[in-house]
Amino acid sequence: MTSWKLVRVIAGFLILLSLALGMADSPFYISHYWLYFTAFIGLNLLQSGFTGWCLMENIVRKLGVPAGC
């Protein structure tokens, strides 16, 4: 798996996790403050789309995952 695919998998997982922890109707609800984490991930994805730079991709590459497009 390439770094850009892994970043998207991680982002999707974290969004779903933070929604499960932040939505009051969820059986996994902890606090509505988890929704700020969802917004943070969304803003980072938006920023990455405009600038082409993603911190998570840099971290994943340093862990040895090959770069790819």
PDB file of N, CA and C in Angstrom:
ATOM      1  N   MET A   1       0.850  -1.174   0.000  1.00  0.00           N
ATOM      2  CA  MET A   1       0.000   0.000   0.000  1.00  0.00           C
ATOM      3  C   MET A   1       0.896   1.239   0.000  1.00  0.00           C
ATOM      4  N   THR A   2       0.523   2.213  -0.779  1.00  0.00           N
ATOM      5  CA  THR A   2       1.323   3.438  -0.859  1.00  0.00           C
ATOM      6  C   THR A   2       0.920   4.413   0.240  1.00  0.00           C
ATOM      7  N   SER A   3       1.781   5.407   0.461  1.00  0.00           N
ATOM      8  CA  SER A   3       1.566   6.348   1.559  1.00  0.00           C
ATOM      9  C   SER A   3       0.279   7.150   1.397  1.00  0.00           C
ATOM     10  N   TRP A   4      -0.031   7.575   0.185  1.00  0.00           N
ATOM     11  CA  TRP A   4      -1.230   8.402   0.019  1.00  0.00           C
ATOM     12  C   TRP A   4      -2.503   7.603   0.240  1.00  0.00           C
ATOM     13  N   LYS A   5      -2.488   6.307  -0.098  1.00  0.00           N
ATOM     14  CA  LYS A   5      -3.651   5.461   0.173  1.00  0.00           C
ATOM     15  C   LYS A   5      -3.801   5.220   1.675  1.00  0.00           C
ATOM     16  N   LEU A   6      -2.689   4.973   2.339  1.00  0.00           N
ATOM     17  CA  LEU A   6      -2.724   4.728   3.777  1.00  0.00           C
ATOM     18  C   LEU A   6      -3.192   5.964   4.533  1.00  0.00           C
ATOM     19  N   VAL A   7      -2.777   7.139   4.107  1.00  0.00           N
ATOM     20  CA  VAL A   7      -3.226   8.379   4.752  1.00  0.00           C
ATOM     21  C   VAL A   7      -4.737   8.514   4.648  1.00  0.00           C
ATOM     22  N   ARG A   8      -5.305   8.191   3.521  1.00  0.00           N
ATOM     23  CA  ARG A   8      -6.744   8.308   3.354  1.00  0.00           C
ATOM     24  C   ARG A   8      -7.492   7.271   4.188  1.00  0.00           C
ATOM     25  N   VAL A   9      -6.923   6.086   4.314  1.00  0.00           N
ATOM     26  CA  VAL A   9      -7.524   5.059   5.172  1.00  0.00           C
ATOM     27  C   VAL A   9      -7.494   5.518   6.630  1.00  0.00           C
ATOM     28  N   ILE A  10      -6.366   6.061   7.068  1.00  0.00           N
ATOM     29  CA  ILE A  10      -6.247   6.548   8.442  1.00  0.00           C
ATOM     30  C   ILE A  10      -7.221   7.695   8.691  1.00  0.00           C
ATOM     31  N   ALA A  11      -7.303   8.640   7.756  1.00  0.00           N
ATOM     32  CA  ALA A  11      -8.209   9.780   7.913  1.00  0.00           C
ATOM     33  C   ALA A  11      -9.661   9.311   7.987  1.00  0.00           C
ATOM     34  N   GLY A  12     -10.046   8.411   7.124  1.00  0.00           N
ATOM     35  CA  GLY A  12     -11.415   7.891   7.152  1.00  0.00           C
ATOM     36  C   GLY A  12     -11.732   7.179   8.450  1.00  0.00           C
ATOM     37  N   PHE A  13     -10.795   6.376   8.934  1.00  0.00           N
ATOM     38  CA  PHE A  13     -10.996   5.671  10.198  1.00  0.00           C
ATOM     39  C   PHE A  13     -11.126   6.650  11.364  1.00  0.00           C
ATOM     40  N   LEU A  14     -10.264   7.655  11.401  1.00  0.00           N
ATOM     41  CA  LEU A  14     -10.316   8.622  12.499  1.00  0.00           C
ATOM     42  C   LEU A  14     -11.588   9.460  12.463  1.00  0.00           C
ATOM     43  N   ILE A  15     -12.071   9.793  11.278  1.00  0.00           N
ATOM     44  CA  ILE A  15     -13.332  10.529  11.178  1.00  0.00           C
ATOM     45  C   ILE A  15     -14.485   9.687  11.704  1.00  0.00           C
ATOM     46  N   LEU A  16     -14.556   8.433  11.284  1.00  0.00           N
ATOM     47  CA  LEU A  16     -15.636   7.570  11.763  1.00  0.00           C
ATOM     48  C   LEU A  16     -15.538   7.326  13.266  1.00  0.00           C
ATOM     49  N   LEU A  17     -14.327   7.153  13.775  1.00  0.00           N
ATOM     50  CA  LEU A  17     -14.131   6.954  15.209  1.00  0.00           C
ATOM     51  C   LEU A  17     -14.561   8.184  16.002  1.00  0.00           C
ATOM     52  N   SER A  18     -14.137   9.369  15.558  1.00  0.00           N
ATOM     53  CA  SER A  18     -14.486  10.578  16.293  1.00  0.00           C
ATOM     54  C   SER A  18     -15.991  10.864  16.217  1.00  0.00           C
ATOM     55  N   LEU A  19     -16.635  10.506  15.107  1.00  0.00           N
ATOM     56  CA  LEU A  19     -18.087  10.648  15.040  1.00  0.00           C
ATOM     57  C   LEU A  19     -18.779   9.685  16.003  1.00  0.00           C
ATOM     58  N   ALA A  20     -18.279   8.459  16.085  1.00  0.00           N
ATOM     59  CA  ALA A  20     -18.860   7.489  17.013  1.00  0.00           C
ATOM     60  C   ALA A  20     -18.702   7.944  18.458  1.00  0.00           C
ATOM     61  N   LEU A  21     -17.588   8.588  18.773  1.00  0.00           N
ATOM     62  CA  LEU A  21     -17.339   9.045  20.140  1.00  0.00           C
ATOM     63  C   LEU A  21     -18.007  10.380  20.443  1.00  0.00           C
ATOM     64  N   GLY A  22     -18.405  11.129  19.408  1.00  0.00           N
ATOM     65  CA  GLY A  22     -18.931  12.464  19.621  1.00  0.00           C
ATOM     66  C   GLY A  22     -20.417  12.649  19.391  1.00  0.00           C
ATOM     67  N   MET A  23     -21.066  11.701  18.756  1.00  0.00           N
ATOM     68  CA  MET A  23     -22.497  11.827  18.491  1.00  0.00           C
ATOM     69  C   MET A  23     -23.293  11.266  19.667  1.00  0.00           C
ATOM     70  N   ALA A  24     -24.220  12.045  20.171  1.00  0.00           N
ATOM     71  CA  ALA A  24     -24.962  11.673  21.377  1.00  0.00           C
ATOM     72  C   ALA A  24     -25.784  10.392  21.195  1.00  0.00           C
ATOM     73  N   ASP A  25     -26.229  10.078  19.988  1.00  0.00           N
ATOM     74  CA  ASP A  25     -27.036   8.883  19.754  1.00  0.00           C
ATOM     75  C   ASP A  25     -26.197   7.613  19.600  1.00  0.00           C
ATOM     76  N   SER A  26     -24.885   7.752  19.579  1.00  0.00           N
ATOM     77  CA  SER A  26     -24.006   6.606  19.392  1.00  0.00           C
ATOM     78  C   SER A  26     -23.877   5.806  20.689  1.00  0.00           C
ATOM     79  N   PRO A  27     -23.808   4.484  20.587  1.00  0.00           N
ATOM     80  CA  PRO A  27     -23.586   3.681  21.803  1.00  0.00           C
ATOM     81  C   PRO A  27     -22.171   3.861  22.366  1.00  0.00           C
ATOM     82  N   PHE A  28     -21.284   4.476  21.598  1.00  0.00           N
ATOM     83  CA  PHE A  28     -19.902   4.695  22.041  1.00  0.00           C
ATOM     84  C   PHE A  28     -19.664   6.130  22.496  1.00  0.00           C
ATOM     85  N   TYR A  29     -20.735   6.898  22.665  1.00  0.00           N
ATOM     86  CA  TYR A  29     -20.640   8.323  22.996  1.00  0.00           C
ATOM     87  C   TYR A  29     -19.824   8.559  24.264  1.00  0.00           C
ATOM     88  N   ILE A  30     -18.900   9.518  24.164  1.00  0.00           N
ATOM     89  CA  ILE A  30     -18.116   9.956  25.311  1.00  0.00           C
ATOM     90  C   ILE A  30     -18.365  11.429  25.580  1.00  0.00           C
ATOM     91  N   SER A  31     -18.151  12.264  24.556  1.00  0.00           N
ATOM     92  CA  SER A  31     -18.309  13.705  24.710  1.00  0.00           C
ATOM     93  C   SER A  31     -18.494  14.340  23.335  1.00  0.00           C
ATOM     94  N   HIS A  32     -19.244  15.429  23.300  1.00  0.00           N
ATOM     95  CA  HIS A  32     -19.439  16.124  22.030  1.00  0.00           C
ATOM     96  C   HIS A  32     -18.153  16.822  21.562  1.00  0.00           C
ATOM     97  N   TYR A  33     -17.181  16.940  22.442  1.00  0.00           N
ATOM     98  CA  TYR A  33     -15.911  17.565  22.070  1.00  0.00           C
ATOM     99  C   TYR A  33     -15.132  16.752  21.031  1.00  0.00           C
ATOM    100  N   TRP A  34     -15.458  15.478  20.862  1.00  0.00           N
ATOM    101  CA  TRP A  34     -14.822  14.674  19.828  1.00  0.00           C
ATOM    102  C   TRP A  34     -15.143  15.191  18.434  1.00  0.00           C
ATOM    103  N   LEU A  35     -16.229  15.935  18.295  1.00  0.00           N
ATOM    104  CA  LEU A  35     -16.584  16.482  16.988  1.00  0.00           C
ATOM    105  C   LEU A  35     -15.582  17.544  16.541  1.00  0.00           C
ATOM    106  N   TYR A  36     -14.880  18.170  17.485  1.00  0.00           N
ATOM    107  CA  TYR A  36     -13.815  19.106  17.117  1.00  0.00           C
ATOM    108  C   TYR A  36     -12.672  18.363  16.431  1.00  0.00           C
ATOM    109  N   PHE A  37     -12.424  17.139  16.833  1.00  0.00           N
ATOM    110  CA  PHE A  37     -11.394  16.324  16.185  1.00  0.00           C
ATOM    111  C   PHE A  37     -11.795  16.007  14.748  1.00  0.00           C
ATOM    112  N   THR A  38     -13.086  15.738  14.535  1.00  0.00           N
ATOM    113  CA  THR A  38     -13.595  15.510  13.182  1.00  0.00           C
ATOM    114  C   THR A  38     -13.348  16.742  12.308  1.00  0.00           C
ATOM    115  N   ALA A  39     -13.646  17.918  12.855  1.00  0.00           N
ATOM    116  CA  ALA A  39     -13.423  19.168  12.116  1.00  0.00           C
ATOM    117  C   ALA A  39     -11.942  19.386  11.846  1.00  0.00           C
ATOM    118  N   PHE A  40     -11.086  19.058  12.800  1.00  0.00           N
ATOM    119  CA  PHE A  40      -9.641  19.198  12.632  1.00  0.00           C
ATOM    120  C   PHE A  40      -9.143  18.335  11.469  1.00  0.00           C
ATOM    121  N   ILE A  41      -9.612  17.115  11.395  1.00  0.00           N
ATOM    122  CA  ILE A  41      -9.210  16.223  10.302  1.00  0.00           C
ATOM    123  C   ILE A  41      -9.695  16.774   8.971  1.00  0.00           C
ATOM    124  N   GLY A  42     -10.931  17.246   8.935  1.00  0.00           N
ATOM    125  CA  GLY A  42     -11.477  17.822   7.708  1.00  0.00           C
ATOM    126  C   GLY A  42     -10.694  19.036   7.244  1.00  0.00           C
ATOM    127  N   LEU A  43     -10.321  19.901   8.180  1.00  0.00           N
ATOM    128  CA  LEU A  43      -9.524  21.075   7.819  1.00  0.00           C
ATOM    129  C   LEU A  43      -8.151  20.679   7.291  1.00  0.00           C
ATOM    130  N   ASN A  44      -7.550  19.656   7.878  1.00  0.00           N
ATOM    131  CA  ASN A  44      -6.253  19.192   7.383  1.00  0.00           C
ATOM    132  C   ASN A  44      -6.371  18.597   5.986  1.00  0.00           C
ATOM    133  N   LEU A  45      -7.450  17.877   5.714  1.00  0.00           N
ATOM    134  CA  LEU A  45      -7.660  17.348   4.370  1.00  0.00           C
ATOM    135  C   LEU A  45      -7.864  18.474   3.360  1.00  0.00           C
ATOM    136  N   LEU A  46      -8.608  19.488   3.746  1.00  0.00           N
ATOM    137  CA  LEU A  46      -8.826  20.646   2.885  1.00  0.00           C
ATOM    138  C   LEU A  46      -7.509  21.367   2.601  1.00  0.00           C
ATOM    139  N   GLN A  47      -6.744  21.609   3.640  1.00  0.00           N
ATOM    140  CA  GLN A  47      -5.434  22.263   3.502  1.00  0.00           C
ATOM    141  C   GLN A  47      -4.514  21.447   2.604  1.00  0.00           C
ATOM    142  N   SER A  48      -4.531  20.138   2.769  1.00  0.00           N
ATOM    143  CA  SER A  48      -3.683  19.257   1.964  1.00  0.00           C
ATOM    144  C   SER A  48      -4.069  19.322   0.487  1.00  0.00           C
ATOM    145  N   GLY A  49      -5.362  19.449   0.221  1.00  0.00           N
ATOM    146  CA  GLY A  49      -5.820  19.545  -1.162  1.00  0.00           C
ATOM    147  C   GLY A  49      -5.327  20.791  -1.861  1.00  0.00           C
ATOM    148  N   PHE A  50      -5.220  21.889  -1.113  1.00  0.00           N
ATOM    149  CA  PHE A  50      -4.764  23.145  -1.706  1.00  0.00           C
ATOM    150  C   PHE A  50      -3.248  23.255  -1.768  1.00  0.00           C
ATOM    151  N   THR A  51      -2.551  22.760  -0.747  1.00  0.00           N
ATOM    152  CA  THR A  51      -1.104  22.956  -0.683  1.00  0.00           C
ATOM    153  C   THR A  51      -0.300  21.764  -1.175  1.00  0.00           C
ATOM    154  N   GLY A  52      -0.886  20.570  -1.158  1.00  0.00           N
ATOM    155  CA  GLY A  52      -0.154  19.378  -1.552  1.00  0.00           C
ATOM    156  C   GLY A  52       0.733  18.827  -0.453  1.00  0.00           C
ATOM    157  N   TRP A  53       0.668  19.411   0.748  1.00  0.00           N
ATOM    158  CA  TRP A  53       1.494  18.958   1.867  1.00  0.00           C
ATOM    159  C   TRP A  53       0.610  18.349   2.936  1.00  0.00           C
ATOM    160  N   CYS A  54       1.015  17.185   3.461  1.00  0.00           N
ATOM    161  CA  CYS A  54       0.244  16.502   4.490  1.00  0.00           C
ATOM    162  C   CYS A  54       1.201  15.940   5.536  1.00  0.00           C
ATOM    163  N   LEU A  55       1.038  16.364   6.771  1.00  0.00           N
ATOM    164  CA  LEU A  55       1.909  15.899   7.845  1.00  0.00           C
ATOM    165  C   LEU A  55       1.807  14.394   8.039  1.00  0.00           C
ATOM    166  N   MET A  56       0.589  13.851   7.985  1.00  0.00           N
ATOM    167  CA  MET A  56       0.416  12.409   8.177  1.00  0.00           C
ATOM    168  C   MET A  56       1.146  11.625   7.104  1.00  0.00           C
ATOM    169  N   GLU A  57       1.167  12.124   5.882  1.00  0.00           N
ATOM    170  CA  GLU A  57       1.888  11.422   4.815  1.00  0.00           C
ATOM    171  C   GLU A  57       3.391  11.431   5.087  1.00  0.00           C
ATOM    172  N   ASN A  58       3.904  12.536   5.597  1.00  0.00           N
ATOM    173  CA  ASN A  58       5.327  12.585   5.957  1.00  0.00           C
ATOM    174  C   ASN A  58       5.643  11.582   7.059  1.00  0.00           C
ATOM    175  N   ILE A  59       4.762  11.475   8.040  1.00  0.00           N
ATOM    176  CA  ILE A  59       4.971  10.531   9.143  1.00  0.00           C
ATOM    177  C   ILE A  59       4.945   9.099   8.625  1.00  0.00           C
ATOM    178  N   VAL A  60       3.981   8.790   7.771  1.00  0.00           N
ATOM    179  CA  VAL A  60       3.848   7.440   7.228  1.00  0.00           C
ATOM    180  C   VAL A  60       5.068   7.079   6.382  1.00  0.00           C
ATOM    181  N   ARG A  61       5.562   8.042   5.602  1.00  0.00           N
ATOM    182  CA  ARG A  61       6.762   7.767   4.792  1.00  0.00           C
ATOM    183  C   ARG A  61       7.976   7.496   5.663  1.00  0.00           C
ATOM    184  N   LYS A  62       8.117   8.232   6.772  1.00  0.00           N
ATOM    185  CA  LYS A  62       9.246   8.010   7.679  1.00  0.00           C
ATOM    186  C   LYS A  62       9.161   6.652   8.363  1.00  0.00           C
ATOM    187  N   LEU A  63       7.952   6.101   8.439  1.00  0.00           N
ATOM    188  CA  LEU A  63       7.782   4.766   9.006  1.00  0.00           C
ATOM    189  C   LEU A  63       8.089   3.666   7.989  1.00  0.00           C
ATOM    190  N   GLY A  64       8.417   4.066   6.764  1.00  0.00           N
ATOM    191  CA  GLY A  64       8.868   3.094   5.773  1.00  0.00           C
ATOM    192  C   GLY A  64       7.859   2.728   4.707  1.00  0.00           C
ATOM    193  N   VAL A  65       6.697   3.357   4.699  1.00  0.00           N
ATOM    194  CA  VAL A  65       5.710   3.066   3.671  1.00  0.00           C
ATOM    195  C   VAL A  65       6.135   3.769   2.389  1.00  0.00           C
ATOM    196  N   PRO A  66       6.160   3.074   1.257  1.00  0.00           N
ATOM    197  CA  PRO A  66       6.612   3.698   0.026  1.00  0.00           C
ATOM    198  C   PRO A  66       5.670   4.799  -0.472  1.00  0.00           C
ATOM    199  N   ALA A  67       6.268   5.842  -1.019  1.00  0.00           N
ATOM    200  CA  ALA A  67       5.475   6.931  -1.609  1.00  0.00           C
ATOM    201  C   ALA A  67       4.840   6.418  -2.898  1.00  0.00           C
ATOM    202  N   GLY A  68       3.758   7.014  -3.285  1.00  0.00           N
ATOM    203  CA  GLY A  68       3.110   6.604  -4.520  1.00  0.00           C
ATOM    204  C   GLY A  68       2.016   7.561  -4.902  1.00  0.00           C
ATOM    205  N   CYS A  69       1.586   7.456  -6.168  1.00  0.00           N
ATOM    206  CA  CYS A  69       0.483   8.309  -6.615  1.00  0.00           C
ATOM    207  C   CYS A  69      -0.608   7.497  -7.238  1.00  0.00           C
TER     208      CYS A  69
END
